[in-house]
Amino acid sequence: MTAQSRQQLRQNQCTACEGGIAQWSLEEVHSQLQCLPGWELYPSGTVIGKRWKKKDFAEALDFCRSIGELAEAEGHHPDLHLTGYRHVEVVLTTHAIGGLSLNDFILAAKIDELG
């Protein structure tokens, strides 16, 4: 599998996943992460995440709302964490397969456009 650029990822749409597809291999994940600066593979090997520090609580909350609207439109939902009044962490995984899929990287690329 060849990694897609951020622009290529952004042009895709997430597809519904009810399971039945294979998780991406660690090699595929590491290759794709090269195109998404700031996103990292967490120690479990099944999720990626990124952190932002916003100006204040209102800006952090607006960012979370924007991510929520995007996630609803894509049908793929991250874990969102707003802590310390302005720190936002986004964690992505494909819950139905217990690991990472193309959907996670599509959504990561689109979230980067918001951030």
Protein backbone atom coordinates (compact mmCIF):
# COMPACT_ATOMS: atom_id res chain seq x y z
CA MET A 1 0.00 0.00 0.00
CA THR A 2 1.29 3.44 -0.92
CA ALA A 3 0.74 6.26 1.54
CA GLN A 4 -1.57 9.03 0.38
CA SER A 5 -0.72 12.72 0.65
CA ARG A 6 -2.77 14.93 2.96
CA GLN A 7 -4.46 16.41 -0.09
CA GLN A 8 -5.39 12.95 -1.39
CA LEU A 9 -6.73 11.96 2.02
CA ARG A 10 -8.85 15.13 2.23
CA GLN A 11 -10.46 14.33 -1.12
CA ASN A 12 -11.75 11.00 0.21
CA GLN A 13 -14.83 10.31 2.28
CA CYS A 14 -14.95 7.95 5.21
CA THR A 15 -16.87 4.77 4.48
CA ALA A 16 -19.13 3.01 6.91
CA CYS A 17 -17.34 0.23 8.76
CA GLU A 18 -19.22 -2.47 10.60
CA GLY A 19 -16.19 -4.72 10.82
CA GLY A 20 -15.06 -7.38 8.44
CA ILE A 21 -12.02 -5.47 7.20
CA ALA A 22 -8.44 -5.93 8.33
CA GLN A 23 -6.67 -3.45 10.55
CA TRP A 24 -3.77 -1.66 8.93
CA SER A 25 -0.35 -3.16 9.62
CA LEU A 26 2.17 -1.16 11.64
CA GLU A 27 4.17 -0.68 8.43
CA GLU A 28 1.14 0.85 6.69
CA VAL A 29 0.40 3.06 9.71
CA HIS A 30 3.96 4.37 9.99
CA SER A 31 4.09 5.04 6.25
CA GLN A 32 0.85 7.03 6.30
CA LEU A 33 1.82 8.98 9.43
CA GLN A 34 4.77 10.43 7.50
CA CYS A 35 2.19 12.51 5.58
CA LEU A 36 0.40 13.76 8.71
CA PRO A 37 2.77 15.91 10.81
CA GLY A 38 2.01 15.93 14.51
CA TRP A 39 -0.09 12.76 14.49
CA GLU A 40 1.45 9.89 16.41
CA LEU A 41 0.81 6.23 16.95
CA TYR A 42 0.00 5.56 20.59
CA PRO A 43 1.66 2.65 22.45
CA SER A 44 -1.31 0.32 21.96
CA GLY A 45 -0.58 0.36 18.22
CA THR A 46 -4.31 0.65 17.52
CA VAL A 47 -4.92 4.41 17.79
CA ILE A 48 -3.40 7.65 16.52
CA GLY A 49 -3.67 11.01 18.20
CA LYS A 50 -2.68 14.63 18.09
CA ARG A 51 -2.73 17.50 20.59
CA TRP A 52 -3.39 21.21 20.13
CA LYS A 53 -3.00 24.13 22.53
CA LYS A 54 -5.61 26.80 21.82
CA LYS A 55 -5.69 30.43 22.97
CA ASP A 56 -8.43 29.92 25.56
CA PHE A 57 -11.39 27.76 26.54
CA ALA A 58 -13.76 29.32 24.00
CA GLU A 59 -11.37 28.64 21.11
CA ALA A 60 -10.75 25.08 22.30
CA LEU A 61 -14.49 24.46 22.61
CA ASP A 62 -15.13 25.87 19.13
CA PHE A 63 -12.44 23.59 17.74
CA CYS A 64 -14.07 20.57 19.42
CA ARG A 65 -17.46 21.57 17.98
CA SER A 66 -15.97 21.89 14.49
CA ILE A 67 -14.41 18.45 14.82
CA GLY A 68 -17.73 17.06 16.01
CA GLU A 69 -19.58 18.48 13.00
CA LEU A 70 -16.95 17.10 10.64
CA ALA A 71 -17.06 13.69 12.33
CA GLU A 72 -20.84 13.54 11.99
CA ALA A 73 -20.64 14.44 8.31
CA GLU A 74 -17.99 11.75 7.75
CA GLY A 75 -19.72 9.13 9.91
CA HIS A 76 -16.46 8.45 11.75
CA HIS A 77 -16.15 9.60 15.35
CA PRO A 78 -12.96 10.36 17.31
CA ASP A 79 -12.45 10.57 21.02
CA LEU A 80 -12.16 14.26 21.97
CA HIS A 81 -10.48 15.46 25.15
CA LEU A 82 -10.58 19.08 26.32
CA THR A 83 -8.37 19.53 29.38
CA GLY A 84 -6.60 22.33 31.19
CA TYR A 85 -9.20 24.73 29.71
CA ARG A 86 -7.42 25.00 26.34
CA HIS A 87 -5.71 21.71 25.51
CA VAL A 88 -7.44 19.54 22.91
CA GLU A 89 -6.47 15.95 22.17
CA VAL A 90 -8.03 13.96 19.34
CA VAL A 91 -7.71 10.18 19.33
CA LEU A 92 -8.71 8.14 16.28
CA THR A 93 -9.36 4.43 15.79
CA THR A 94 -11.86 2.35 13.87
CA HIS A 95 -13.82 0.89 16.77
CA ALA A 96 -15.53 -1.82 14.70
CA ILE A 97 -12.18 -3.46 13.89
CA GLY A 98 -10.28 -2.55 17.05
CA GLY A 99 -7.53 -0.81 15.11
CA LEU A 100 -6.66 1.63 12.37
CA SER A 101 -8.15 1.93 8.89
CA LEU A 102 -8.10 4.44 6.05
CA ASN A 103 -11.01 6.27 7.72
CA ASP A 104 -8.77 7.32 10.61
CA PHE A 105 -6.25 8.95 8.30
CA ILE A 106 -8.90 10.63 6.17
CA LEU A 107 -10.43 12.19 9.27
CA ALA A 108 -7.00 13.16 10.66
CA ALA A 109 -6.17 15.02 7.45
CA LYS A 110 -9.51 16.82 7.50
CA ILE A 111 -9.14 17.74 11.18
CA ASP A 112 -5.76 19.28 10.39
CA GLU A 113 -7.56 21.68 8.05
CA LEU A 114 -9.64 22.88 11.01
CA GLY A 115 -6.80 23.21 13.50
